[in-house]
Amino acid sequence: MFSGVLFGWIMDPFVALVILTLWEPLEILVISPILAKYGIVFGHEALRNSLSDIVFNIIGLIIGIYLLREFAPPPFYLFG
């Protein structure tokens, strides 16, 4: 959820949503098999866990956009 808050604070909301949502399949389907070839265990999650990660990232994104920006302007703004 922290990454969602941070991305929502410093990024365009749509870009942040795309990045946070696409990370989950990228982690499981691309990065994990590549690292497994070298004996590194990474990204082995159940579908339920990945979906909950996306939901919590969206909640964090909403907090970053609507709450954190109200109290503290971002030090910089990406993709906006």
PDB file of N, CA and C in Angstrom:
ATOM      1  N   MET A   1       0.827  -1.182   0.000  1.00  0.00           N
ATOM      2  CA  MET A   1       0.000   0.000   0.000  1.00  0.00           C
ATOM      3  C   MET A   1       0.874   1.250   0.000  1.00  0.00           C
ATOM      4  N   PHE A   2       2.058   1.161   0.609  1.00  0.00           N
ATOM      5  CA  PHE A   2       2.957   2.318   0.654  1.00  0.00           C
ATOM      6  C   PHE A   2       3.363   2.766  -0.748  1.00  0.00           C
ATOM      7  N   SER A   3       3.636   1.808  -1.627  1.00  0.00           N
ATOM      8  CA  SER A   3       4.018   2.194  -2.993  1.00  0.00           C
ATOM      9  C   SER A   3       2.858   2.895  -3.690  1.00  0.00           C
ATOM     10  N   GLY A   4       1.630   2.481  -3.434  1.00  0.00           N
ATOM     11  CA  GLY A   4       0.471   3.150  -4.002  1.00  0.00           C
ATOM     12  C   GLY A   4       0.353   4.580  -3.514  1.00  0.00           C
ATOM     13  N   VAL A   5       0.578   4.796  -2.218  1.00  0.00           N
ATOM     14  CA  VAL A   5       0.538   6.149  -1.662  1.00  0.00           C
ATOM     15  C   VAL A   5       1.622   7.010  -2.307  1.00  0.00           C
ATOM     16  N   LEU A   6       2.829   6.484  -2.379  1.00  0.00           N
ATOM     17  CA  LEU A   6       3.941   7.231  -2.954  1.00  0.00           C
ATOM     18  C   LEU A   6       3.696   7.554  -4.428  1.00  0.00           C
ATOM     19  N   PHE A   7       3.274   6.564  -5.199  1.00  0.00           N
ATOM     20  CA  PHE A   7       3.015   6.791  -6.623  1.00  0.00           C
ATOM     21  C   PHE A   7       1.866   7.776  -6.818  1.00  0.00           C
ATOM     22  N   GLY A   8       0.836   7.677  -6.007  1.00  0.00           N
ATOM     23  CA  GLY A   8      -0.284   8.602  -6.103  1.00  0.00           C
ATOM     24  C   GLY A   8       0.099  10.024  -5.756  1.00  0.00           C
ATOM     25  N   TRP A   9       1.101  10.158  -4.940  1.00  0.00           N
ATOM     26  CA  TRP A   9       1.554  11.486  -4.511  1.00  0.00           C
ATOM     27  C   TRP A   9       2.400  12.165  -5.575  1.00  0.00           C
ATOM     28  N   ILE A  10       3.265  11.390  -6.243  1.00  0.00           N
ATOM     29  CA  ILE A  10       4.237  12.016  -7.150  1.00  0.00           C
ATOM     30  C   ILE A  10       3.981  11.775  -8.636  1.00  0.00           C
ATOM     31  N   MET A  11       2.936  11.015  -8.988  1.00  0.00           N
ATOM     32  CA  MET A  11       2.710  10.674 -10.396  1.00  0.00           C
ATOM     33  C   MET A  11       1.309  11.038 -10.839  1.00  0.00           C
ATOM     34  N   ASP A  12       1.172  11.101 -12.150  1.00  0.00           N
ATOM     35  CA  ASP A  12      -0.155  11.198 -12.737  1.00  0.00           C
ATOM     36  C   ASP A  12      -0.934   9.955 -12.305  1.00  0.00           C
ATOM     37  N   PRO A  13      -2.172  10.105 -11.842  1.00  0.00           N
ATOM     38  CA  PRO A  13      -2.920   8.957 -11.308  1.00  0.00           C
ATOM     39  C   PRO A  13      -3.087   7.797 -12.289  1.00  0.00           C
ATOM     40  N   PHE A  14      -3.339   8.094 -13.561  1.00  0.00           N
ATOM     41  CA  PHE A  14      -3.534   7.012 -14.527  1.00  0.00           C
ATOM     42  C   PHE A  14      -2.239   6.233 -14.741  1.00  0.00           C
ATOM     43  N   VAL A  15      -1.138   6.934 -14.877  1.00  0.00           N
ATOM     44  CA  VAL A  15       0.159   6.268 -15.074  1.00  0.00           C
ATOM     45  C   VAL A  15       0.494   5.418 -13.851  1.00  0.00           C
ATOM     46  N   ALA A  16       0.260   5.952 -12.675  1.00  0.00           N
ATOM     47  CA  ALA A  16       0.530   5.201 -11.447  1.00  0.00           C
ATOM     48  C   ALA A  16      -0.320   3.939 -11.383  1.00  0.00           C
ATOM     49  N   LEU A  17      -1.583   4.051 -11.749  1.00  0.00           N
ATOM     50  CA  LEU A  17      -2.472   2.892 -11.730  1.00  0.00           C
ATOM     51  C   LEU A  17      -1.989   1.822 -12.707  1.00  0.00           C
ATOM     52  N   VAL A  18      -1.585   2.227 -13.890  1.00  0.00           N
ATOM     53  CA  VAL A  18      -1.092   1.269 -14.885  1.00  0.00           C
ATOM     54  C   VAL A  18       0.165   0.569 -14.379  1.00  0.00           C
ATOM     55  N   ILE A  19       1.104   1.336 -13.851  1.00  0.00           N
ATOM     56  CA  ILE A  19       2.356   0.745 -13.350  1.00  0.00           C
ATOM     57  C   ILE A  19       2.088  -0.236 -12.220  1.00  0.00           C
ATOM     58  N   LEU A  20       1.291   0.183 -11.251  1.00  0.00           N
ATOM     59  CA  LEU A  20       1.027  -0.672 -10.095  1.00  0.00           C
ATOM     60  C   LEU A  20       0.248  -1.931 -10.472  1.00  0.00           C
ATOM     61  N   THR A  21      -0.650  -1.821 -11.441  1.00  0.00           N
ATOM     62  CA  THR A  21      -1.450  -2.979 -11.845  1.00  0.00           C
ATOM     63  C   THR A  21      -0.639  -3.942 -12.709  1.00  0.00           C
ATOM     64  N   LEU A  22       0.154  -3.413 -13.619  1.00  0.00           N
ATOM     65  CA  LEU A  22       0.936  -4.283 -14.501  1.00  0.00           C
ATOM     66  C   LEU A  22       2.130  -4.927 -13.813  1.00  0.00           C
ATOM     67  N   TRP A  23       2.541  -4.392 -12.674  1.00  0.00           N
ATOM     68  CA  TRP A  23       3.675  -4.979 -11.962  1.00  0.00           C
ATOM     69  C   TRP A  23       3.375  -6.416 -11.540  1.00  0.00           C
ATOM     70  N   GLU A  24       2.165  -6.678 -11.105  1.00  0.00           N
ATOM     71  CA  GLU A  24       1.842  -8.015 -10.575  1.00  0.00           C
ATOM     72  C   GLU A  24       2.012  -9.115 -11.622  1.00  0.00           C
ATOM     73  N   PRO A  25       1.407  -9.019 -12.813  1.00  0.00           N
ATOM     74  CA  PRO A  25       1.665 -10.087 -13.785  1.00  0.00           C
ATOM     75  C   PRO A  25       3.118 -10.108 -14.269  1.00  0.00           C
ATOM     76  N   LEU A  26       3.749  -8.955 -14.349  1.00  0.00           N
ATOM     77  CA  LEU A  26       5.156  -8.909 -14.747  1.00  0.00           C
ATOM     78  C   LEU A  26       6.016  -9.659 -13.733  1.00  0.00           C
ATOM     79  N   GLU A  27       5.725  -9.457 -12.473  1.00  0.00           N
ATOM     80  CA  GLU A  27       6.466 -10.113 -11.392  1.00  0.00           C
ATOM     81  C   GLU A  27       6.329 -11.637 -11.477  1.00  0.00           C
ATOM     82  N   ILE A  28       5.118 -12.102 -11.713  1.00  0.00           N
ATOM     83  CA  ILE A  28       4.848 -13.539 -11.698  1.00  0.00           C
ATOM     84  C   ILE A  28       5.228 -14.219 -13.013  1.00  0.00           C
ATOM     85  N   LEU A  29       4.895 -13.591 -14.128  1.00  0.00           N
ATOM     86  CA  LEU A  29       5.039 -14.258 -15.420  1.00  0.00           C
ATOM     87  C   LEU A  29       6.377 -14.020 -16.106  1.00  0.00           C
ATOM     88  N   VAL A  30       7.077 -12.945 -15.768  1.00  0.00           N
ATOM     89  CA  VAL A  30       8.326 -12.628 -16.461  1.00  0.00           C
ATOM     90  C   VAL A  30       9.534 -12.708 -15.521  1.00  0.00           C
ATOM     91  N   ILE A  31       9.506 -11.915 -14.462  1.00  0.00           N
ATOM     92  CA  ILE A  31      10.672 -11.813 -13.581  1.00  0.00           C
ATOM     93  C   ILE A  31      10.930 -13.111 -12.820  1.00  0.00           C
ATOM     94  N   SER A  32       9.873 -13.709 -12.274  1.00  0.00           N
ATOM     95  CA  SER A  32      10.031 -14.928 -11.490  1.00  0.00           C
ATOM     96  C   SER A  32      10.659 -16.073 -12.286  1.00  0.00           C
ATOM     97  N   PRO A  33      10.183 -16.364 -13.513  1.00  0.00           N
ATOM     98  CA  PRO A  33      10.832 -17.449 -14.277  1.00  0.00           C
ATOM     99  C   PRO A  33      12.287 -17.162 -14.637  1.00  0.00           C
ATOM    100  N   ILE A  34      12.607 -15.913 -14.916  1.00  0.00           N
ATOM    101  CA  ILE A  34      14.004 -15.571 -15.242  1.00  0.00           C
ATOM    102  C   ILE A  34      14.893 -15.795 -14.031  1.00  0.00           C
ATOM    103  N   LEU A  35      14.470 -15.319 -12.877  1.00  0.00           N
ATOM    104  CA  LEU A  35      15.279 -15.491 -11.669  1.00  0.00           C
ATOM    105  C   LEU A  35      15.338 -16.951 -11.222  1.00  0.00           C
ATOM    106  N   ALA A  36      14.281 -17.718 -11.503  1.00  0.00           N
ATOM    107  CA  ALA A  36      14.274 -19.138 -11.126  1.00  0.00           C
ATOM    108  C   ALA A  36      15.371 -19.906 -11.840  1.00  0.00           C
ATOM    109  N   LYS A  37      15.732 -19.473 -13.043  1.00  0.00           N
ATOM    110  CA  LYS A  37      16.820 -20.129 -13.774  1.00  0.00           C
ATOM    111  C   LYS A  37      18.147 -20.015 -13.039  1.00  0.00           C
ATOM    112  N   TYR A  38      18.269 -19.001 -12.190  1.00  0.00           N
ATOM    113  CA  TYR A  38      19.496 -18.783 -11.417  1.00  0.00           C
ATOM    114  C   TYR A  38      19.345 -19.212  -9.958  1.00  0.00           C
ATOM    115  N   GLY A  39      18.251 -19.917  -9.669  1.00  0.00           N
ATOM    116  CA  GLY A  39      18.034 -20.429  -8.324  1.00  0.00           C
ATOM    117  C   GLY A  39      17.507 -19.405  -7.339  1.00  0.00           C
ATOM    118  N   ILE A  40      16.993 -18.295  -7.841  1.00  0.00           N
ATOM    119  CA  ILE A  40      16.456 -17.246  -6.972  1.00  0.00           C
ATOM    120  C   ILE A  40      14.943 -17.368  -6.941  1.00  0.00           C
ATOM    121  N   VAL A  41      14.398 -17.540  -5.749  1.00  0.00           N
ATOM    122  CA  VAL A  41      12.951 -17.647  -5.589  1.00  0.00           C
ATOM    123  C   VAL A  41      12.388 -16.237  -5.419  1.00  0.00           C
ATOM    124  N   PHE A  42      11.504 -15.850  -6.337  1.00  0.00           N
ATOM    125  CA  PHE A  42      10.937 -14.502  -6.313  1.00  0.00           C
ATOM    126  C   PHE A  42       9.566 -14.534  -6.966  1.00  0.00           C
ATOM    127  N   GLY A  43       8.611 -13.871  -6.345  1.00  0.00           N
ATOM    128  CA  GLY A  43       7.315 -13.659  -6.964  1.00  0.00           C
ATOM    129  C   GLY A  43       6.401 -14.858  -7.035  1.00  0.00           C
ATOM    130  N   HIS A  44       6.636 -15.873  -6.222  1.00  0.00           N
ATOM    131  CA  HIS A  44       5.727 -17.019  -6.220  1.00  0.00           C
ATOM    132  C   HIS A  44       4.548 -16.694  -5.321  1.00  0.00           C
ATOM    133  N   GLU A  45       3.467 -16.221  -5.939  1.00  0.00           N
ATOM    134  CA  GLU A  45       2.278 -15.830  -5.185  1.00  0.00           C
ATOM    135  C   GLU A  45       1.059 -16.516  -5.784  1.00  0.00           C
ATOM    136  N   ALA A  46       0.071 -16.704  -4.958  1.00  0.00           N
ATOM    137  CA  ALA A  46      -1.201 -17.207  -5.446  1.00  0.00           C
ATOM    138  C   ALA A  46      -1.951 -16.060  -6.118  1.00  0.00           C
ATOM    139  N   LEU A  47      -2.902 -16.411  -6.955  1.00  0.00           N
ATOM    140  CA  LEU A  47      -3.708 -15.399  -7.643  1.00  0.00           C
ATOM    141  C   LEU A  47      -4.396 -14.482  -6.639  1.00  0.00           C
ATOM    142  N   ARG A  48      -4.886 -15.055  -5.579  1.00  0.00           N
ATOM    143  CA  ARG A  48      -5.579 -14.267  -4.544  1.00  0.00           C
ATOM    144  C   ARG A  48      -4.646 -13.208  -3.952  1.00  0.00           C
ATOM    145  N   ASN A  49      -3.389 -13.575  -3.714  1.00  0.00           N
ATOM    146  CA  ASN A  49      -2.417 -12.638  -3.163  1.00  0.00           C
ATOM    147  C   ASN A  49      -2.126 -11.525  -4.153  1.00  0.00           C
ATOM    148  N   SER A  50      -1.978 -11.847  -5.415  1.00  0.00           N
ATOM    149  CA  SER A  50      -1.711 -10.828  -6.433  1.00  0.00           C
ATOM    150  C   SER A  50      -2.876  -9.860  -6.555  1.00  0.00           C
ATOM    151  N   LEU A  51      -4.088 -10.388  -6.530  1.00  0.00           N
ATOM    152  CA  LEU A  51      -5.263  -9.521  -6.621  1.00  0.00           C
ATOM    153  C   LEU A  51      -5.395  -8.625  -5.396  1.00  0.00           C
ATOM    154  N   SER A  52      -5.067  -9.162  -4.222  1.00  0.00           N
ATOM    155  CA  SER A  52      -5.118  -8.324  -3.021  1.00  0.00           C
ATOM    156  C   SER A  52      -4.028  -7.256  -3.066  1.00  0.00           C
ATOM    157  N   ASP A  53      -2.877  -7.572  -3.639  1.00  0.00           N
ATOM    158  CA  ASP A  53      -1.829  -6.557  -3.812  1.00  0.00           C
ATOM    159  C   ASP A  53      -2.332  -5.411  -4.682  1.00  0.00           C
ATOM    160  N   ILE A  54      -3.029  -5.744  -5.755  1.00  0.00           N
ATOM    161  CA  ILE A  54      -3.566  -4.709  -6.645  1.00  0.00           C
ATOM    162  C   ILE A  54      -4.603  -3.863  -5.917  1.00  0.00           C
ATOM    163  N   VAL A  55      -5.479  -4.503  -5.154  1.00  0.00           N
ATOM    164  CA  VAL A  55      -6.506  -3.760  -4.404  1.00  0.00           C
ATOM    165  C   VAL A  55      -5.855  -2.821  -3.392  1.00  0.00           C
ATOM    166  N   PHE A  56      -4.881  -3.294  -2.656  1.00  0.00           N
ATOM    167  CA  PHE A  56      -4.228  -2.442  -1.658  1.00  0.00           C
ATOM    168  C   PHE A  56      -3.408  -1.334  -2.316  1.00  0.00           C
ATOM    169  N   ASN A  57      -2.834  -1.608  -3.469  1.00  0.00           N
ATOM    170  CA  ASN A  57      -2.138  -0.548  -4.204  1.00  0.00           C
ATOM    171  C   ASN A  57      -3.113   0.539  -4.651  1.00  0.00           C
ATOM    172  N   ILE A  58      -4.301   0.143  -5.077  1.00  0.00           N
ATOM    173  CA  ILE A  58      -5.313   1.127  -5.481  1.00  0.00           C
ATOM    174  C   ILE A  58      -5.768   1.948  -4.282  1.00  0.00           C
ATOM    175  N   ILE A  59      -5.946   1.305  -3.142  1.00  0.00           N
ATOM    176  CA  ILE A  59      -6.305   2.047  -1.923  1.00  0.00           C
ATOM    177  C   ILE A  59      -5.205   3.040  -1.579  1.00  0.00           C
ATOM    178  N   GLY A  60      -3.961   2.605  -1.647  1.00  0.00           N
ATOM    179  CA  GLY A  60      -2.834   3.508  -1.397  1.00  0.00           C
ATOM    180  C   GLY A  60      -2.791   4.639  -2.402  1.00  0.00           C
ATOM    181  N   LEU A  61      -3.085   4.350  -3.655  1.00  0.00           N
ATOM    182  CA  LEU A  61      -3.119   5.367  -4.697  1.00  0.00           C
ATOM    183  C   LEU A  61      -4.154   6.436  -4.376  1.00  0.00           C
ATOM    184  N   ILE A  62      -5.319   6.018  -3.959  1.00  0.00           N
ATOM    185  CA  ILE A  62      -6.382   6.964  -3.584  1.00  0.00           C
ATOM    186  C   ILE A  62      -5.944   7.826  -2.406  1.00  0.00           C
ATOM    187  N   ILE A  63      -5.301   7.211  -1.426  1.00  0.00           N
ATOM    188  CA  ILE A  63      -4.802   7.970  -0.272  1.00  0.00           C
ATOM    189  C   ILE A  63      -3.765   8.993  -0.720  1.00  0.00           C
ATOM    190  N   GLY A  64      -2.853   8.578  -1.590  1.00  0.00           N
ATOM    191  CA  GLY A  64      -1.824   9.496  -2.078  1.00  0.00           C
ATOM    192  C   GLY A  64      -2.390  10.656  -2.860  1.00  0.00           C
ATOM    193  N   ILE A  65      -3.390  10.367  -3.697  1.00  0.00           N
ATOM    194  CA  ILE A  65      -3.971  11.410  -4.546  1.00  0.00           C
ATOM    195  C   ILE A  65      -4.822  12.374  -3.735  1.00  0.00           C
ATOM    196  N   TYR A  66      -5.729  11.849  -2.944  1.00  0.00           N
ATOM    197  CA  TYR A  66      -6.739  12.693  -2.311  1.00  0.00           C
ATOM    198  C   TYR A  66      -6.406  13.165  -0.902  1.00  0.00           C
ATOM    199  N   LEU A  67      -5.527  12.469  -0.200  1.00  0.00           N
ATOM    200  CA  LEU A  67      -5.196  12.890   1.164  1.00  0.00           C
ATOM    201  C   LEU A  67      -3.803  13.500   1.271  1.00  0.00           C
ATOM    202  N   LEU A  68      -2.804  12.763   0.815  1.00  0.00           N
ATOM    203  CA  LEU A  68      -1.435  13.229   0.996  1.00  0.00           C
ATOM    204  C   LEU A  68      -1.166  14.517   0.234  1.00  0.00           C
ATOM    205  N   ARG A  69      -1.688  14.624  -0.986  1.00  0.00           N
ATOM    206  CA  ARG A  69      -1.486  15.857  -1.764  1.00  0.00           C
ATOM    207  C   ARG A  69      -2.135  17.066  -1.108  1.00  0.00           C
ATOM    208  N   GLU A  70      -3.191  16.841  -0.321  1.00  0.00           N
ATOM    209  CA  GLU A  70      -3.851  17.941   0.384  1.00  0.00           C
ATOM    210  C   GLU A  70      -2.984  18.492   1.504  1.00  0.00           C
ATOM    211  N   PHE A  71      -2.225  17.618   2.148  1.00  0.00           N
ATOM    212  CA  PHE A  71      -1.410  18.029   3.291  1.00  0.00           C
ATOM    213  C   PHE A  71       0.011  18.424   2.919  1.00  0.00           C
ATOM    214  N   ALA A  72       0.530  17.823   1.864  1.00  0.00           N
ATOM    215  CA  ALA A  72       1.916  18.112   1.472  1.00  0.00           C
ATOM    216  C   ALA A  72       2.031  18.026  -0.039  1.00  0.00           C
ATOM    217  N   PRO A  73       2.396  19.120  -0.674  1.00  0.00           N
ATOM    218  CA  PRO A  73       2.593  19.040  -2.126  1.00  0.00           C
ATOM    219  C   PRO A  73       3.797  18.158  -2.432  1.00  0.00           C
ATOM    220  N   PRO A  74       3.731  17.393  -3.535  1.00  0.00           N
ATOM    221  CA  PRO A  74       4.859  16.519  -3.853  1.00  0.00           C
ATOM    222  C   PRO A  74       6.109  17.319  -4.186  1.00  0.00           C
ATOM    223  N   PRO A  75       7.282  16.783  -3.851  1.00  0.00           N
ATOM    224  CA  PRO A  75       8.521  17.497  -4.137  1.00  0.00           C
ATOM    225  C   PRO A  75       8.814  17.576  -5.632  1.00  0.00           C
ATOM    226  N   PHE A  76       8.251  16.649  -6.408  1.00  0.00           N
ATOM    227  CA  PHE A  76       8.341  16.637  -7.863  1.00  0.00           C
ATOM    228  C   PHE A  76       7.165  15.852  -8.383  1.00  0.00           C
ATOM    229  N   TYR A  77       6.891  15.958  -9.672  1.00  0.00           N
ATOM    230  CA  TYR A  77       5.730  15.299 -10.256  1.00  0.00           C
ATOM    231  C   TYR A  77       6.150  14.595 -11.538  1.00  0.00           C
ATOM    232  N   LEU A  78       5.918  13.292 -11.621  1.00  0.00           N
ATOM    233  CA  LEU A  78       6.315  12.511 -12.787  1.00  0.00           C
ATOM    234  C   LEU A  78       5.127  12.256 -13.714  1.00  0.00           C
ATOM    235  N   PHE A  79       5.398  12.287 -14.989  1.00  0.00           N
ATOM    236  CA  PHE A  79       4.435  11.913 -16.025  1.00  0.00           C
ATOM    237  C   PHE A  79       3.174  12.763 -16.010  1.00  0.00           C
ATOM    238  N   GLY A  80       3.295  14.013 -15.718  1.00  0.00           N
ATOM    239  CA  GLY A  80       2.084  14.831 -15.661  1.00  0.00           C
ATOM    240  C   GLY A  80       2.131  16.114 -16.361  1.00  0.00           C
TER     241      GLY A  80
END
